[in-house]
């Protein structure tokens, strides 16, 4: 079983969330993209994974009002649109990492976890 990735730091910016995995690997997510990527039961069909959330309903200027750790495996955001039920596991955040190395198929290989 692979090691669960653990971030070194999570920084909440005005329009982005930066997760530092290692000295040489950072995931910088736009807050809007991360909100749309929520896969809670309100946003995704639990059985098919089909997106239930209408992306156009997510404000362009959405912000993360609060970031809260969930145990040692995930984070939860309080979004400015009132949504707060989604849990983003560290594994999921690594899976959707928008960095060039991960987008090119090197997910999990960009730096140490």
PDB file of N, CA and C in Angstrom:
ATOM      1  N   UNK A   1       0.842  -1.175   0.000  1.00  0.00           N
ATOM      2  CA  UNK A   1       0.000   0.000   0.000  1.00  0.00           C
ATOM      3  C   UNK A   1       0.888   1.240   0.000  1.00  0.00           C
ATOM      4  N   UNK A   2       0.646   2.185  -0.911  1.00  0.00           N
ATOM      5  CA  UNK A   2       1.500   3.369  -0.977  1.00  0.00           C
ATOM      6  C   UNK A   2       1.313   4.263   0.249  1.00  0.00           C
ATOM      7  N   UNK A   3       2.349   5.037   0.541  1.00  0.00           N
ATOM      8  CA  UNK A   3       2.274   5.976   1.656  1.00  0.00           C
ATOM      9  C   UNK A   3       1.242   7.055   1.365  1.00  0.00           C
ATOM     10  N   UNK A   4       0.520   7.458   2.398  1.00  0.00           N
ATOM     11  CA  UNK A   4      -0.438   8.550   2.260  1.00  0.00           C
ATOM     12  C   UNK A   4       0.362   9.848   2.232  1.00  0.00           C
ATOM     13  N   UNK A   5       0.118  10.686   1.207  1.00  0.00           N
ATOM     14  CA  UNK A   5       0.854  11.954   1.150  1.00  0.00           C
ATOM     15  C   UNK A   5       0.435  12.869   2.293  1.00  0.00           C
ATOM     16  N   UNK A   6       1.396  13.526   2.883  1.00  0.00           N
ATOM     17  CA  UNK A   6       1.133  14.481   3.959  1.00  0.00           C
ATOM     18  C   UNK A   6       1.758  15.811   3.554  1.00  0.00           C
ATOM     19  N   UNK A   7       0.960  16.870   3.482  1.00  0.00           N
ATOM     20  CA  UNK A   7       1.536  18.165   3.108  1.00  0.00           C
ATOM     21  C   UNK A   7       2.385  18.752   4.229  1.00  0.00           C
ATOM     22  N   UNK A   8       3.398  19.515   3.827  1.00  0.00           N
ATOM     23  CA  UNK A   8       4.211  20.235   4.793  1.00  0.00           C
ATOM     24  C   UNK A   8       3.494  21.498   5.251  1.00  0.00           C
ATOM     25  N   UNK A   9       2.719  22.098   4.332  1.00  0.00           N
ATOM     26  CA  UNK A   9       2.003  23.338   4.651  1.00  0.00           C
ATOM     27  C   UNK A   9       0.824  23.513   3.698  1.00  0.00           C
ATOM     28  N   UNK A  10      -0.188  24.212   4.187  1.00  0.00           N
ATOM     29  CA  UNK A  10      -1.340  24.590   3.365  1.00  0.00           C
ATOM     30  C   UNK A  10      -1.562  26.079   3.595  1.00  0.00           C
ATOM     31  N   UNK A  11      -1.526  26.840   2.504  1.00  0.00           N
ATOM     32  CA  UNK A  11      -1.666  28.299   2.596  1.00  0.00           C
ATOM     33  C   UNK A  11      -2.939  28.743   1.881  1.00  0.00           C
ATOM     34  N   UNK A  12      -3.770  29.498   2.581  1.00  0.00           N
ATOM     35  CA  UNK A  12      -5.000  30.023   2.022  1.00  0.00           C
ATOM     36  C   UNK A  12      -4.754  31.446   1.542  1.00  0.00           C
ATOM     37  N   UNK A  13      -4.751  31.611   0.228  1.00  0.00           N
ATOM     38  CA  UNK A  13      -4.631  32.936  -0.355  1.00  0.00           C
ATOM     39  C   UNK A  13      -6.008  33.488  -0.689  1.00  0.00           C
ATOM     40  N   UNK A  14      -6.056  34.668  -1.264  1.00  0.00           N
ATOM     41  CA  UNK A  14      -7.334  35.282  -1.619  1.00  0.00           C
ATOM     42  C   UNK A  14      -8.062  34.484  -2.698  1.00  0.00           C
ATOM     43  N   UNK A  15      -7.346  34.064  -3.738  1.00  0.00           N
ATOM     44  CA  UNK A  15      -7.964  33.336  -4.855  1.00  0.00           C
ATOM     45  C   UNK A  15      -7.295  31.999  -5.138  1.00  0.00           C
ATOM     46  N   UNK A  16      -6.441  31.546  -4.218  1.00  0.00           N
ATOM     47  CA  UNK A  16      -5.818  30.240  -4.415  1.00  0.00           C
ATOM     48  C   UNK A  16      -5.507  29.571  -3.090  1.00  0.00           C
ATOM     49  N   UNK A  17      -5.304  28.282  -3.176  1.00  0.00           N
ATOM     50  CA  UNK A  17      -4.871  27.460  -2.044  1.00  0.00           C
ATOM     51  C   UNK A  17      -3.579  26.798  -2.498  1.00  0.00           C
ATOM     52  N   UNK A  18      -2.513  26.969  -1.718  1.00  0.00           N
ATOM     53  CA  UNK A  18      -1.230  26.359  -2.049  1.00  0.00           C
ATOM     54  C   UNK A  18      -0.934  25.253  -1.047  1.00  0.00           C
ATOM     55  N   UNK A  19      -0.707  24.062  -1.578  1.00  0.00           N
ATOM     56  CA  UNK A  19      -0.337  22.920  -0.747  1.00  0.00           C
ATOM     57  C   UNK A  19       1.125  22.608  -1.061  1.00  0.00           C
ATOM     58  N   UNK A  20       1.962  22.677  -0.047  1.00  0.00           N
ATOM     59  CA  UNK A  20       3.377  22.357  -0.209  1.00  0.00           C
ATOM     60  C   UNK A  20       3.570  20.916   0.250  1.00  0.00           C
ATOM     61  N   UNK A  21       3.955  20.067  -0.705  1.00  0.00           N
ATOM     62  CA  UNK A  21       4.147  18.642  -0.414  1.00  0.00           C
ATOM     63  C   UNK A  21       5.596  18.360  -0.037  1.00  0.00           C
ATOM     64  N   UNK A  22       6.504  19.011  -0.714  1.00  0.00           N
ATOM     65  CA  UNK A  22       7.938  18.836  -0.485  1.00  0.00           C
ATOM     66  C   UNK A  22       8.602  20.125  -0.948  1.00  0.00           C
ATOM     67  N   UNK A  23       9.865  20.248  -0.657  1.00  0.00           N
ATOM     68  CA  UNK A  23      10.593  21.455  -1.032  1.00  0.00           C
ATOM     69  C   UNK A  23      10.467  21.765  -2.521  1.00  0.00           C
ATOM     70  N   UNK A  24      10.352  20.707  -3.329  1.00  0.00           N
ATOM     71  CA  UNK A  24      10.305  20.905  -4.781  1.00  0.00           C
ATOM     72  C   UNK A  24       8.942  20.586  -5.397  1.00  0.00           C
ATOM     73  N   UNK A  25       7.888  20.504  -4.577  1.00  0.00           N
ATOM     74  CA  UNK A  25       6.561  20.213  -5.134  1.00  0.00           C
ATOM     75  C   UNK A  25       5.464  20.969  -4.392  1.00  0.00           C
ATOM     76  N   UNK A  26       4.831  21.876  -5.139  1.00  0.00           N
ATOM     77  CA  UNK A  26       3.711  22.647  -4.612  1.00  0.00           C
ATOM     78  C   UNK A  26       2.535  22.523  -5.567  1.00  0.00           C
ATOM     79  N   UNK A  27       1.352  22.371  -5.002  1.00  0.00           N
ATOM     80  CA  UNK A  27       0.115  22.381  -5.778  1.00  0.00           C
ATOM     81  C   UNK A  27      -0.562  23.714  -5.514  1.00  0.00           C
ATOM     82  N   UNK A  28      -0.776  24.489  -6.565  1.00  0.00           N
ATOM     83  CA  UNK A  28      -1.465  25.766  -6.423  1.00  0.00           C
ATOM     84  C   UNK A  28      -2.808  25.631  -7.130  1.00  0.00           C
ATOM     85  N   UNK A  29      -3.869  25.582  -6.335  1.00  0.00           N
ATOM     86  CA  UNK A  29      -5.227  25.410  -6.849  1.00  0.00           C
ATOM     87  C   UNK A  29      -5.949  26.747  -6.838  1.00  0.00           C
ATOM     88  N   UNK A  30      -6.658  27.069  -7.912  1.00  0.00           N
ATOM     89  CA  UNK A  30      -7.535  28.240  -7.840  1.00  0.00           C
ATOM     90  C   UNK A  30      -8.677  27.849  -6.915  1.00  0.00           C
ATOM     91  N   UNK A  31      -9.166  28.794  -6.128  1.00  0.00           N
ATOM     92  CA  UNK A  31     -10.247  28.476  -5.203  1.00  0.00           C
ATOM     93  C   UNK A  31     -11.485  27.997  -5.956  1.00  0.00           C
ATOM     94  N   UNK A  32     -11.756  28.575  -7.105  1.00  0.00           N
ATOM     95  CA  UNK A  32     -12.940  28.171  -7.876  1.00  0.00           C
ATOM     96  C   UNK A  32     -12.787  26.739  -8.384  1.00  0.00           C
ATOM     97  N   UNK A  33     -11.636  26.406  -8.940  1.00  0.00           N
ATOM     98  CA  UNK A  33     -11.412  25.044  -9.429  1.00  0.00           C
ATOM     99  C   UNK A  33     -11.515  24.029  -8.292  1.00  0.00           C
ATOM    100  N   UNK A  34     -10.972  24.398  -7.141  1.00  0.00           N
ATOM    101  CA  UNK A  34     -11.020  23.476  -6.003  1.00  0.00           C
ATOM    102  C   UNK A  34     -12.455  23.310  -5.506  1.00  0.00           C
ATOM    103  N   UNK A  35     -13.216  24.380  -5.494  1.00  0.00           N
ATOM    104  CA  UNK A  35     -14.629  24.280  -5.080  1.00  0.00           C
ATOM    105  C   UNK A  35     -15.399  23.381  -6.044  1.00  0.00           C
ATOM    106  N   UNK A  36     -15.168  23.547  -7.337  1.00  0.00           N
ATOM    107  CA  UNK A  36     -15.856  22.719  -8.341  1.00  0.00           C
ATOM    108  C   UNK A  36     -15.422  21.258  -8.224  1.00  0.00           C
ATOM    109  N   UNK A  37     -14.211  21.009  -7.751  1.00  0.00           N
ATOM    110  CA  UNK A  37     -13.691  19.645  -7.620  1.00  0.00           C
ATOM    111  C   UNK A  37     -14.219  18.915  -6.385  1.00  0.00           C
ATOM    112  N   UNK A  38     -15.051  19.587  -5.592  1.00  0.00           N
ATOM    113  CA  UNK A  38     -15.608  18.946  -4.401  1.00  0.00           C
ATOM    114  C   UNK A  38     -16.355  17.686  -4.815  1.00  0.00           C
ATOM    115  N   UNK A  39     -16.152  16.616  -4.071  1.00  0.00           N
ATOM    116  CA  UNK A  39     -16.850  15.387  -4.420  1.00  0.00           C
ATOM    117  C   UNK A  39     -17.692  14.852  -3.268  1.00  0.00           C
ATOM    118  N   UNK A  40     -18.276  15.790  -2.510  1.00  0.00           N
ATOM    119  CA  UNK A  40     -19.221  15.385  -1.466  1.00  0.00           C
ATOM    120  C   UNK A  40     -20.530  14.938  -2.131  1.00  0.00           C
ATOM    121  N   UNK A  41     -21.433  14.381  -1.351  1.00  0.00           N
ATOM    122  CA  UNK A  41     -22.692  13.857  -1.893  1.00  0.00           C
ATOM    123  C   UNK A  41     -23.585  14.945  -2.492  1.00  0.00           C
ATOM    124  N   UNK A  42     -23.402  16.199  -2.094  1.00  0.00           N
ATOM    125  CA  UNK A  42     -24.183  17.289  -2.680  1.00  0.00           C
ATOM    126  C   UNK A  42     -23.644  17.692  -4.046  1.00  0.00           C
ATOM    127  N   UNK A  43     -22.355  17.465  -4.280  1.00  0.00           N
ATOM    128  CA  UNK A  43     -21.707  17.933  -5.504  1.00  0.00           C
ATOM    129  C   UNK A  43     -21.485  16.833  -6.544  1.00  0.00           C
ATOM    130  N   UNK A  44     -21.426  15.591  -6.116  1.00  0.00           N
ATOM    131  CA  UNK A  44     -21.198  14.453  -7.024  1.00  0.00           C
ATOM    132  C   UNK A  44     -22.150  13.325  -6.678  1.00  0.00           C
ATOM    133  N   UNK A  45     -22.625  12.623  -7.689  1.00  0.00           N
ATOM    134  CA  UNK A  45     -23.437  11.443  -7.459  1.00  0.00           C
ATOM    135  C   UNK A  45     -22.565  10.399  -6.768  1.00  0.00           C
ATOM    136  N   UNK A  46     -23.034   9.882  -5.662  1.00  0.00           N
ATOM    137  CA  UNK A  46     -22.243   8.953  -4.861  1.00  0.00           C
ATOM    138  C   UNK A  46     -21.925   7.645  -5.578  1.00  0.00           C
ATOM    139  N   UNK A  47     -22.766   7.255  -6.522  1.00  0.00           N
ATOM    140  CA  UNK A  47     -22.580   5.972  -7.190  1.00  0.00           C
ATOM    141  C   UNK A  47     -21.856   6.091  -8.531  1.00  0.00           C
ATOM    142  N   UNK A  48     -22.171   7.132  -9.280  1.00  0.00           N
ATOM    143  CA  UNK A  48     -21.584   7.267 -10.618  1.00  0.00           C
ATOM    144  C   UNK A  48     -20.427   8.259 -10.667  1.00  0.00           C
ATOM    145  N   UNK A  49     -20.345   9.163  -9.672  1.00  0.00           N
ATOM    146  CA  UNK A  49     -19.324  10.199  -9.692  1.00  0.00           C
ATOM    147  C   UNK A  49     -19.688  11.377 -10.582  1.00  0.00           C
ATOM    148  N   UNK A  50     -20.894  11.322 -11.190  1.00  0.00           N
ATOM    149  CA  UNK A  50     -21.352  12.398 -12.078  1.00  0.00           C
ATOM    150  C   UNK A  50     -21.456  13.705 -11.300  1.00  0.00           C
ATOM    151  N   UNK A  51     -20.991  14.777 -11.917  1.00  0.00           N
ATOM    152  CA  UNK A  51     -21.041  16.100 -11.301  1.00  0.00           C
ATOM    153  C   UNK A  51     -22.486  16.549 -11.159  1.00  0.00           C
ATOM    154  N   UNK A  52     -22.901  16.856  -9.940  1.00  0.00           N
ATOM    155  CA  UNK A  52     -24.233  17.394  -9.671  1.00  0.00           C
ATOM    156  C   UNK A  52     -24.190  18.913  -9.557  1.00  0.00           C
ATOM    157  N   UNK A  53     -23.045  19.413  -9.137  1.00  0.00           N
ATOM    158  CA  UNK A  53     -22.850  20.847  -8.998  1.00  0.00           C
ATOM    159  C   UNK A  53     -22.774  21.483 -10.379  1.00  0.00           C
ATOM    160  N   UNK A  54     -23.512  22.539 -10.570  1.00  0.00           N
ATOM    161  CA  UNK A  54     -23.457  23.291 -11.833  1.00  0.00           C
ATOM    162  C   UNK A  54     -22.271  24.253 -11.728  1.00  0.00           C
ATOM    163  N   UNK A  55     -21.181  24.022 -12.494  1.00  0.00           N
ATOM    164  CA  UNK A  55     -20.006  24.889 -12.385  1.00  0.00           C
ATOM    165  C   UNK A  55     -20.328  26.375 -12.553  1.00  0.00           C
ATOM    166  N   UNK A  56     -21.294  26.697 -13.395  1.00  0.00           N
ATOM    167  CA  UNK A  56     -21.667  28.093 -13.591  1.00  0.00           C
ATOM    168  C   UNK A  56     -22.271  28.736 -12.358  1.00  0.00           C
ATOM    169  N   UNK A  57     -22.713  27.923 -11.401  1.00  0.00           N
ATOM    170  CA  UNK A  57     -23.290  28.444 -10.167  1.00  0.00           C
ATOM    171  C   UNK A  57     -22.217  28.829  -9.145  1.00  0.00           C
ATOM    172  N   UNK A  58     -20.976  28.421  -9.403  1.00  0.00           N
ATOM    173  CA  UNK A  58     -19.878  28.748  -8.484  1.00  0.00           C
ATOM    174  C   UNK A  58     -19.334  30.118  -8.855  1.00  0.00           C
ATOM    175  N   UNK A  59     -19.397  31.069  -7.921  1.00  0.00           N
ATOM    176  CA  UNK A  59     -18.923  32.417  -8.229  1.00  0.00           C
ATOM    177  C   UNK A  59     -17.454  32.449  -8.651  1.00  0.00           C
ATOM    178  N   UNK A  60     -17.156  33.304  -9.594  1.00  0.00           N
ATOM    179  CA  UNK A  60     -15.774  33.466 -10.066  1.00  0.00           C
ATOM    180  C   UNK A  60     -14.872  33.938  -8.929  1.00  0.00           C
ATOM    181  N   UNK A  61     -15.431  34.730  -8.031  1.00  0.00           N
ATOM    182  CA  UNK A  61     -14.632  35.315  -6.953  1.00  0.00           C
ATOM    183  C   UNK A  61     -14.759  34.553  -5.629  1.00  0.00           C
ATOM    184  N   UNK A  62     -15.101  33.265  -5.701  1.00  0.00           N
ATOM    185  CA  UNK A  62     -15.262  32.472  -4.480  1.00  0.00           C
ATOM    186  C   UNK A  62     -13.953  32.429  -3.694  1.00  0.00           C
ATOM    187  N   UNK A  63     -14.087  32.401  -2.384  1.00  0.00           N
ATOM    188  CA  UNK A  63     -12.910  32.322  -1.512  1.00  0.00           C
ATOM    189  C   UNK A  63     -13.114  31.214  -0.487  1.00  0.00           C
ATOM    190  N   UNK A  64     -12.024  30.747   0.050  1.00  0.00           N
ATOM    191  CA  UNK A  64     -12.068  29.809   1.169  1.00  0.00           C
ATOM    192  C   UNK A  64     -11.977  30.661   2.429  1.00  0.00           C
ATOM    193  N   UNK A  65     -13.075  30.736   3.158  1.00  0.00           N
ATOM    194  CA  UNK A  65     -13.103  31.556   4.368  1.00  0.00           C
ATOM    195  C   UNK A  65     -12.338  30.894   5.508  1.00  0.00           C
ATOM    196  N   UNK A  66     -12.278  29.557   5.465  1.00  0.00           N
ATOM    197  CA  UNK A  66     -11.628  28.811   6.537  1.00  0.00           C
ATOM    198  C   UNK A  66     -11.099  27.500   5.980  1.00  0.00           C
ATOM    199  N   UNK A  67      -9.954  27.065   6.477  1.00  0.00           N
ATOM    200  CA  UNK A  67      -9.379  25.757   6.145  1.00  0.00           C
ATOM    201  C   UNK A  67      -9.231  25.010   7.458  1.00  0.00           C
ATOM    202  N   UNK A  68      -9.770  23.800   7.488  1.00  0.00           N
ATOM    203  CA  UNK A  68      -9.742  23.023   8.720  1.00  0.00           C
ATOM    204  C   UNK A  68      -9.186  21.634   8.442  1.00  0.00           C
ATOM    205  N   UNK A  69      -8.252  21.195   9.260  1.00  0.00           N
ATOM    206  CA  UNK A  69      -7.711  19.845   9.116  1.00  0.00           C
ATOM    207  C   UNK A  69      -8.745  18.823   9.561  1.00  0.00           C
ATOM    208  N   UNK A  70      -8.804  17.708   8.855  1.00  0.00           N
ATOM    209  CA  UNK A  70      -9.676  16.596   9.210  1.00  0.00           C
ATOM    210  C   UNK A  70      -8.752  15.431   9.531  1.00  0.00           C
ATOM    211  N   UNK A  71      -8.587  15.165  10.795  1.00  0.00           N
ATOM    212  CA  UNK A  71      -7.657  14.120  11.214  1.00  0.00           C
ATOM    213  C   UNK A  71      -6.275  14.387  10.650  1.00  0.00           C
ATOM    214  N   UNK A  72      -5.627  13.331  10.208  1.00  0.00           N
ATOM    215  CA  UNK A  72      -4.294  13.452   9.615  1.00  0.00           C
ATOM    216  C   UNK A  72      -4.320  13.102   8.134  1.00  0.00           C
ATOM    217  N   UNK A  73      -5.522  13.146   7.528  1.00  0.00           N
ATOM    218  CA  UNK A  73      -5.641  12.671   6.158  1.00  0.00           C
ATOM    219  C   UNK A  73      -6.333  13.610   5.188  1.00  0.00           C
ATOM    220  N   UNK A  74      -6.883  14.742   5.670  1.00  0.00           N
ATOM    221  CA  UNK A  74      -7.696  15.572   4.771  1.00  0.00           C
ATOM    222  C   UNK A  74      -7.840  16.999   5.304  1.00  0.00           C
ATOM    223  N   UNK A  75      -8.435  17.844   4.443  1.00  0.00           N
ATOM    224  CA  UNK A  75      -8.812  19.207   4.827  1.00  0.00           C
ATOM    225  C   UNK A  75     -10.258  19.448   4.401  1.00  0.00           C
ATOM    226  N   UNK A  76     -10.871  20.409   5.075  1.00  0.00           N
ATOM    227  CA  UNK A  76     -12.225  20.833   4.753  1.00  0.00           C
ATOM    228  C   UNK A  76     -12.208  22.347   4.652  1.00  0.00           C
ATOM    229  N   UNK A  77     -12.937  22.874   3.680  1.00  0.00           N
ATOM    230  CA  UNK A  77     -12.984  24.319   3.466  1.00  0.00           C
ATOM    231  C   UNK A  77     -14.384  24.848   3.760  1.00  0.00           C
ATOM    232  N   UNK A  78     -14.443  26.017   4.344  1.00  0.00           N
ATOM    233  CA  UNK A  78     -15.691  26.769   4.429  1.00  0.00           C
ATOM    234  C   UNK A  78     -15.620  27.772   3.283  1.00  0.00           C
ATOM    235  N   UNK A  79     -16.441  27.542   2.256  1.00  0.00           N
ATOM    236  CA  UNK A  79     -16.416  28.388   1.066  1.00  0.00           C
ATOM    237  C   UNK A  79     -17.332  29.590   1.237  1.00  0.00           C
ATOM    238  N   UNK A  80     -17.005  30.661   0.561  1.00  0.00           N
ATOM    239  CA  UNK A  80     -17.797  31.891   0.650  1.00  0.00           C
ATOM    240  C   UNK A  80     -19.191  31.750   0.046  1.00  0.00           C
ATOM    241  N   UNK A  81     -19.452  30.649  -0.687  1.00  0.00           N
ATOM    242  CA  UNK A  81     -20.802  30.416  -1.209  1.00  0.00           C
ATOM    243  C   UNK A  81     -21.668  29.634  -0.223  1.00  0.00           C
ATOM    244  N   UNK A  82     -21.145  29.393   0.979  1.00  0.00           N
ATOM    245  CA  UNK A  82     -21.889  28.712   2.024  1.00  0.00           C
ATOM    246  C   UNK A  82     -21.647  27.212   2.097  1.00  0.00           C
ATOM    247  N   UNK A  83     -20.974  26.635   1.104  1.00  0.00           N
ATOM    248  CA  UNK A  83     -20.714  25.199   1.099  1.00  0.00           C
ATOM    249  C   UNK A  83     -19.592  24.872   2.081  1.00  0.00           C
ATOM    250  N   UNK A  84     -19.753  23.770   2.818  1.00  0.00           N
ATOM    251  CA  UNK A  84     -18.713  23.388   3.779  1.00  0.00           C
ATOM    252  C   UNK A  84     -18.685  21.897   4.102  1.00  0.00           C
ATOM    253  N   UNK A  85     -19.344  21.078   3.291  1.00  0.00           N
ATOM    254  CA  UNK A  85     -19.413  19.656   3.630  1.00  0.00           C
ATOM    255  C   UNK A  85     -18.371  18.787   2.943  1.00  0.00           C
ATOM    256  N   UNK A  86     -17.670  19.303   1.975  1.00  0.00           N
ATOM    257  CA  UNK A  86     -16.697  18.487   1.252  1.00  0.00           C
ATOM    258  C   UNK A  86     -15.407  18.283   2.016  1.00  0.00           C
ATOM    259  N   UNK A  87     -14.915  17.067   1.983  1.00  0.00           N
ATOM    260  CA  UNK A  87     -13.620  16.735   2.571  1.00  0.00           C
ATOM    261  C   UNK A  87     -12.681  16.382   1.431  1.00  0.00           C
ATOM    262  N   UNK A  88     -11.543  17.031   1.395  1.00  0.00           N
ATOM    263  CA  UNK A  88     -10.533  16.810   0.364  1.00  0.00           C
ATOM    264  C   UNK A  88      -9.393  16.032   1.007  1.00  0.00           C
ATOM    265  N   UNK A  89      -9.313  14.735   0.708  1.00  0.00           N
ATOM    266  CA  UNK A  89      -8.217  13.959   1.285  1.00  0.00           C
ATOM    267  C   UNK A  89      -6.909  14.411   0.640  1.00  0.00           C
ATOM    268  N   UNK A  90      -5.829  14.172   1.325  1.00  0.00           N
ATOM    269  CA  UNK A  90      -4.526  14.530   0.758  1.00  0.00           C
ATOM    270  C   UNK A  90      -4.274  13.734  -0.514  1.00  0.00           C
ATOM    271  N   UNK A  91      -4.708  12.481  -0.529  1.00  0.00           N
ATOM    272  CA  UNK A  91      -4.547  11.666  -1.741  1.00  0.00           C
ATOM    273  C   UNK A  91      -5.299  12.293  -2.912  1.00  0.00           C
ATOM    274  N   UNK A  92      -6.518  12.772  -2.664  1.00  0.00           N
ATOM    275  CA  UNK A  92      -7.313  13.401  -3.728  1.00  0.00           C
ATOM    276  C   UNK A  92      -6.642  14.686  -4.211  1.00  0.00           C
ATOM    277  N   UNK A  93      -6.132  15.483  -3.285  1.00  0.00           N
ATOM    278  CA  UNK A  93      -5.450  16.723  -3.685  1.00  0.00           C
ATOM    279  C   UNK A  93      -4.224  16.417  -4.544  1.00  0.00           C
ATOM    280  N   UNK A  94      -3.483  15.367  -4.199  1.00  0.00           N
ATOM    281  CA  UNK A  94      -2.330  14.983  -5.039  1.00  0.00           C
ATOM    282  C   UNK A  94      -2.814  14.516  -6.407  1.00  0.00           C
ATOM    283  N   UNK A  95      -3.919  13.776  -6.423  1.00  0.00           N
ATOM    284  CA  UNK A  95      -4.475  13.250  -7.672  1.00  0.00           C
ATOM    285  C   UNK A  95      -4.889  14.366  -8.632  1.00  0.00           C
ATOM    286  N   UNK A  96      -5.417  15.468  -8.104  1.00  0.00           N
ATOM    287  CA  UNK A  96      -5.888  16.563  -8.955  1.00  0.00           C
ATOM    288  C   UNK A  96      -4.888  17.719  -9.025  1.00  0.00           C
ATOM    289  N   UNK A  97      -3.666  17.472  -8.592  1.00  0.00           N
ATOM    290  CA  UNK A  97      -2.634  18.509  -8.602  1.00  0.00           C
ATOM    291  C   UNK A  97      -2.494  19.115 -10.003  1.00  0.00           C
ATOM    292  N   UNK A  98      -2.579  20.450 -10.094  1.00  0.00           N
ATOM    293  CA  UNK A  98      -2.504  21.096 -11.405  1.00  0.00           C
ATOM    294  C   UNK A  98      -1.092  21.432 -11.880  1.00  0.00           C
ATOM    295  N   UNK A  99      -0.049  21.014 -11.155  1.00  0.00           N
ATOM    296  CA  UNK A  99       1.309  21.378 -11.577  1.00  0.00           C
ATOM    297  C   UNK A  99       1.662  20.694 -12.898  1.00  0.00           C
ATOM    298  N   UNK A 100       2.626  21.229 -13.583  1.00  0.00           N
ATOM    299  CA  UNK A 100       3.016  20.700 -14.898  1.00  0.00           C
ATOM    300  C   UNK A 100       3.458  19.245 -14.834  1.00  0.00           C
ATOM    301  N   UNK A 101       4.226  18.876 -13.828  1.00  0.00           N
ATOM    302  CA  UNK A 101       4.721  17.501 -13.721  1.00  0.00           C
ATOM    303  C   UNK A 101       3.558  16.531 -13.536  1.00  0.00           C
ATOM    304  N   UNK A 102       2.624  16.868 -12.654  1.00  0.00           N
ATOM    305  CA  UNK A 102       1.489  15.977 -12.402  1.00  0.00           C
ATOM    306  C   UNK A 102       0.544  15.929 -13.605  1.00  0.00           C
ATOM    307  N   UNK A 103       0.324  17.057 -14.262  1.00  0.00           N
ATOM    308  CA  UNK A 103      -0.551  17.067 -15.442  1.00  0.00           C
ATOM    309  C   UNK A 103       0.058  16.256 -16.578  1.00  0.00           C
ATOM    310  N   UNK A 104       1.375  16.150 -16.611  1.00  0.00           N
ATOM    311  CA  UNK A 104       2.050  15.389 -17.661  1.00  0.00           C
ATOM    312  C   UNK A 104       2.097  13.897 -17.353  1.00  0.00           C
ATOM    313  N   UNK A 105       1.446  13.505 -16.258  1.00  0.00           N
ATOM    314  CA  UNK A 105       1.403  12.086 -15.919  1.00  0.00           C
ATOM    315  C   UNK A 105       2.370  11.679 -14.843  1.00  0.00           C
ATOM    316  N   UNK A 106       3.004  12.628 -14.228  1.00  0.00           N
ATOM    317  CA  UNK A 106       3.943  12.297 -13.156  1.00  0.00           C
ATOM    318  C   UNK A 106       3.342  12.456 -11.782  1.00  0.00           C
ATOM    319  N   UNK A 107       2.009  12.350 -11.690  1.00  0.00           N
ATOM    320  CA  UNK A 107       1.331  12.532 -10.406  1.00  0.00           C
ATOM    321  C   UNK A 107       1.975  11.660  -9.340  1.00  0.00           C
ATOM    322  N   UNK A 108       2.244  12.277  -8.209  1.00  0.00           N
ATOM    323  CA  UNK A 108       2.856  11.549  -7.125  1.00  0.00           C
ATOM    324  C   UNK A 108       4.356  11.419  -7.267  1.00  0.00           C
ATOM    325  N   UNK A 109       4.903  11.814  -8.416  1.00  0.00           N
ATOM    326  CA  UNK A 109       6.336  11.680  -8.644  1.00  0.00           C
ATOM    327  C   UNK A 109       7.063  13.008  -8.501  1.00  0.00           C
ATOM    328  N   UNK A 110       6.289  14.097  -8.438  1.00  0.00           N
ATOM    329  CA  UNK A 110       6.903  15.416  -8.310  1.00  0.00           C
ATOM    330  C   UNK A 110       7.292  15.615  -6.852  1.00  0.00           C
ATOM    331  N   UNK A 111       8.498  15.342  -6.531  1.00  0.00           N
ATOM    332  CA  UNK A 111       8.990  15.527  -5.182  1.00  0.00           C
ATOM    333  C   UNK A 111       8.487  14.424  -4.257  1.00  0.00           C
ATOM    334  N   UNK A 112       8.995  14.441  -3.076  1.00  0.00           N
ATOM    335  CA  UNK A 112       8.582  13.447  -2.080  1.00  0.00           C
ATOM    336  C   UNK A 112       7.277  13.885  -1.455  1.00  0.00           C
ATOM    337  N   UNK A 113       6.539  12.962  -0.924  1.00  0.00           N
ATOM    338  CA  UNK A 113       5.269  13.260  -0.268  1.00  0.00           C
ATOM    339  C   UNK A 113       5.489  13.886   1.073  1.00  0.00           C
TER     340      UNK A 113
END
